[in-house]
């Protein structure tokens, strides 16, 4: 798995690719923790276009991060999910709890509404 991020105005776009599982989820968790707790970034767009697999450990990282952001009056928006990844989020019920967007533009617009 690889993780990189870039700032777009007051939104941090975090790009995740590869497999997000119990071995790789601590890396994403560390990046998101640093962004939220150390850098005080409160608007995070999680770009999952390169993610091909997510396990329950990966889902936990996303949920914990969304919860941390909510505690700080921030938001986490998921975007650009591959069909197999979207299905995991749907089956787990996470799509009912987390906002999603089909594209970067739609995801960025979600923070402005």
C-alpha atoms as a PDB file:
ATOM      1  CA  UNK A   1       0.000   0.000   0.000  1.00  0.00           C
ATOM      2  CA  UNK A   2       1.121   3.540  -0.624  1.00  0.00           C
ATOM      3  CA  UNK A   3      -0.165   6.768   0.887  1.00  0.00           C
ATOM      4  CA  UNK A   4       0.531  10.306  -0.225  1.00  0.00           C
ATOM      5  CA  UNK A   5      -1.278  13.550   0.361  1.00  0.00           C
ATOM      6  CA  UNK A   6      -1.555  17.059  -1.008  1.00  0.00           C
ATOM      7  CA  UNK A   7      -3.242  20.191   0.207  1.00  0.00           C
ATOM      8  CA  UNK A   8      -5.964  21.790  -1.891  1.00  0.00           C
ATOM      9  CA  UNK A   9      -6.973  25.083  -0.228  1.00  0.00           C
ATOM     10  CA  UNK A  10      -8.329  23.992   3.193  1.00  0.00           C
ATOM     11  CA  UNK A  11      -8.741  20.336   2.170  1.00  0.00           C
ATOM     12  CA  UNK A  12      -6.110  17.608   2.356  1.00  0.00           C
ATOM     13  CA  UNK A  13      -6.492  14.974  -0.359  1.00  0.00           C
ATOM     14  CA  UNK A  14      -5.072  11.648   0.841  1.00  0.00           C
ATOM     15  CA  UNK A  15      -4.384   9.165  -1.969  1.00  0.00           C
ATOM     16  CA  UNK A  16      -4.414   5.503  -0.923  1.00  0.00           C
ATOM     17  CA  UNK A  17      -3.447   2.724  -3.310  1.00  0.00           C
ATOM     18  CA  UNK A  18      -2.811  -1.005  -3.173  1.00  0.00           C
ATOM     19  CA  UNK A  19      -4.055  -3.260  -0.378  1.00  0.00           C
ATOM     20  CA  UNK A  20      -5.263  -1.821   2.929  1.00  0.00           C
ATOM     21  CA  UNK A  21      -5.109  -4.693   5.400  1.00  0.00           C
ATOM     22  CA  UNK A  22      -3.816  -5.517   8.871  1.00  0.00           C
ATOM     23  CA  UNK A  23      -0.198  -5.209   7.716  1.00  0.00           C
ATOM     24  CA  UNK A  24      -0.579  -1.862   5.947  1.00  0.00           C
ATOM     25  CA  UNK A  25      -3.330  -0.127   7.932  1.00  0.00           C
ATOM     26  CA  UNK A  26      -0.930   1.213  10.627  1.00  0.00           C
ATOM     27  CA  UNK A  27       0.768   3.315   7.908  1.00  0.00           C
ATOM     28  CA  UNK A  28      -2.485   4.983   6.876  1.00  0.00           C
ATOM     29  CA  UNK A  29      -3.503   5.368  10.504  1.00  0.00           C
ATOM     30  CA  UNK A  30      -0.221   7.166  11.272  1.00  0.00           C
ATOM     31  CA  UNK A  31      -0.637   9.579   8.345  1.00  0.00           C
ATOM     32  CA  UNK A  32      -4.251  10.396   9.231  1.00  0.00           C
ATOM     33  CA  UNK A  33      -3.405  10.750  12.934  1.00  0.00           C
ATOM     34  CA  UNK A  34      -0.605  13.189  12.094  1.00  0.00           C
ATOM     35  CA  UNK A  35      -2.869  15.231   9.808  1.00  0.00           C
ATOM     36  CA  UNK A  36      -5.705  15.471  12.339  1.00  0.00           C
ATOM     37  CA  UNK A  37      -3.920  15.654  15.670  1.00  0.00           C
ATOM     38  CA  UNK A  38      -0.557  17.239  14.856  1.00  0.00           C
ATOM     39  CA  UNK A  39      -1.245  19.417  11.818  1.00  0.00           C
ATOM     40  CA  UNK A  40      -4.869  20.181  12.792  1.00  0.00           C
ATOM     41  CA  UNK A  41      -6.197  19.449   9.310  1.00  0.00           C
ATOM     42  CA  UNK A  42      -9.968  19.082   9.625  1.00  0.00           C
ATOM     43  CA  UNK A  43     -11.100  18.481   6.039  1.00  0.00           C
ATOM     44  CA  UNK A  44      -9.799  15.240   4.570  1.00  0.00           C
ATOM     45  CA  UNK A  45     -10.778  13.816   1.195  1.00  0.00           C
ATOM     46  CA  UNK A  46      -9.764  10.168   1.067  1.00  0.00           C
ATOM     47  CA  UNK A  47      -9.091   9.273  -2.581  1.00  0.00           C
ATOM     48  CA  UNK A  48      -9.485   5.513  -2.911  1.00  0.00           C
ATOM     49  CA  UNK A  49      -9.135   5.314  -6.709  1.00  0.00           C
ATOM     50  CA  UNK A  50      -5.960   3.224  -6.402  1.00  0.00           C
ATOM     51  CA  UNK A  51      -7.207   0.993  -3.599  1.00  0.00           C
ATOM     52  CA  UNK A  52      -7.890  -2.545  -4.818  1.00  0.00           C
ATOM     53  CA  UNK A  53      -8.559  -4.269  -1.470  1.00  0.00           C
ATOM     54  CA  UNK A  54      -9.658  -3.248   2.022  1.00  0.00           C
ATOM     55  CA  UNK A  55      -9.980  -5.510   5.064  1.00  0.00           C
ATOM     56  CA  UNK A  56     -11.751  -4.965   8.361  1.00  0.00           C
ATOM     57  CA  UNK A  57      -8.515  -3.473   9.741  1.00  0.00           C
ATOM     58  CA  UNK A  58      -8.593  -0.883   6.966  1.00  0.00           C
ATOM     59  CA  UNK A  59     -12.251  -0.141   7.623  1.00  0.00           C
ATOM     60  CA  UNK A  60     -11.413   0.414  11.294  1.00  0.00           C
ATOM     61  CA  UNK A  61      -8.759   3.008  10.387  1.00  0.00           C
ATOM     62  CA  UNK A  62     -11.249   4.906   8.230  1.00  0.00           C
ATOM     63  CA  UNK A  63     -13.930   4.828  10.937  1.00  0.00           C
ATOM     64  CA  UNK A  64     -11.546   5.875  13.727  1.00  0.00           C
ATOM     65  CA  UNK A  65     -10.233   8.743  11.615  1.00  0.00           C
ATOM     66  CA  UNK A  66     -13.748   9.904  10.740  1.00  0.00           C
ATOM     67  CA  UNK A  67     -14.626   9.816  14.441  1.00  0.00           C
ATOM     68  CA  UNK A  68     -11.522  11.829  15.393  1.00  0.00           C
ATOM     69  CA  UNK A  69     -12.343  14.423  12.754  1.00  0.00           C
ATOM     70  CA  UNK A  70     -15.920  14.669  13.969  1.00  0.00           C
ATOM     71  CA  UNK A  71     -14.676  15.309  17.528  1.00  0.00           C
ATOM     72  CA  UNK A  72     -12.685  18.274  16.160  1.00  0.00           C
ATOM     73  CA  UNK A  73     -15.623  19.521  14.023  1.00  0.00           C
ATOM     74  CA  UNK A  74     -13.952  18.188  10.866  1.00  0.00           C
ATOM     75  CA  UNK A  75     -15.068  15.899   8.051  1.00  0.00           C
ATOM     76  CA  UNK A  76     -13.842  12.878   6.151  1.00  0.00           C
ATOM     77  CA  UNK A  77     -15.201  12.317   2.650  1.00  0.00           C
ATOM     78  CA  UNK A  78     -14.436   9.195   0.596  1.00  0.00           C
ATOM     79  CA  UNK A  79     -14.068   9.507  -3.160  1.00  0.00           C
ATOM     80  CA  UNK A  80     -13.286   7.581  -6.321  1.00  0.00           C
ATOM     81  CA  UNK A  81     -13.873   4.089  -4.917  1.00  0.00           C
ATOM     82  CA  UNK A  82     -13.315   1.049  -7.120  1.00  0.00           C
ATOM     83  CA  UNK A  83     -16.435  -1.191  -7.306  1.00  0.00           C
ATOM     84  CA  UNK A  84     -14.937  -3.991  -5.170  1.00  0.00           C
ATOM     85  CA  UNK A  85     -13.898  -1.518  -2.457  1.00  0.00           C
ATOM     86  CA  UNK A  86     -17.258   0.265  -2.579  1.00  0.00           C
ATOM     87  CA  UNK A  87     -18.962  -3.091  -2.061  1.00  0.00           C
ATOM     88  CA  UNK A  88     -16.994  -3.708   1.153  1.00  0.00           C
ATOM     89  CA  UNK A  89     -17.978  -0.264   2.465  1.00  0.00           C
ATOM     90  CA  UNK A  90     -21.594  -0.940   1.495  1.00  0.00           C
ATOM     91  CA  UNK A  91     -21.767  -4.413   3.098  1.00  0.00           C
ATOM     92  CA  UNK A  92     -20.195  -3.083   6.302  1.00  0.00           C
ATOM     93  CA  UNK A  93     -22.764  -0.275   6.498  1.00  0.00           C
ATOM     94  CA  UNK A  94     -20.096   2.431   6.338  1.00  0.00           C
ATOM     95  CA  UNK A  95     -21.692   4.117   3.324  1.00  0.00           C
ATOM     96  CA  UNK A  96     -24.603   5.060   5.566  1.00  0.00           C
ATOM     97  CA  UNK A  97     -22.210   6.765   7.995  1.00  0.00           C
ATOM     98  CA  UNK A  98     -19.657   8.410   5.707  1.00  0.00           C
ATOM     99  CA  UNK A  99     -20.156  10.855   2.859  1.00  0.00           C
ATOM    100  CA  UNK A 100     -18.904   9.700  -0.530  1.00  0.00           C
ATOM    101  CA  UNK A 101     -18.196  11.308  -3.880  1.00  0.00           C
ATOM    102  CA  UNK A 102     -17.637   9.911  -7.353  1.00  0.00           C
ATOM    103  CA  UNK A 103     -14.862  12.377  -8.278  1.00  0.00           C
ATOM    104  CA  UNK A 104     -12.338  14.777  -6.728  1.00  0.00           C
ATOM    105  CA  UNK A 105     -14.422  17.732  -7.825  1.00  0.00           C
ATOM    106  CA  UNK A 106     -17.546  16.307  -6.197  1.00  0.00           C
ATOM    107  CA  UNK A 107     -15.555  15.460  -3.063  1.00  0.00           C
ATOM    108  CA  UNK A 108     -14.122  18.968  -2.751  1.00  0.00           C
ATOM    109  CA  UNK A 109     -17.573  20.439  -3.333  1.00  0.00           C
ATOM    110  CA  UNK A 110     -18.895  18.322  -0.427  1.00  0.00           C
ATOM    111  CA  UNK A 111     -16.791  20.383   1.991  1.00  0.00           C
ATOM    112  CA  UNK A 112     -18.274  23.623   0.702  1.00  0.00           C
ATOM    113  CA  UNK A 113     -21.910  22.655   1.288  1.00  0.00           C
END
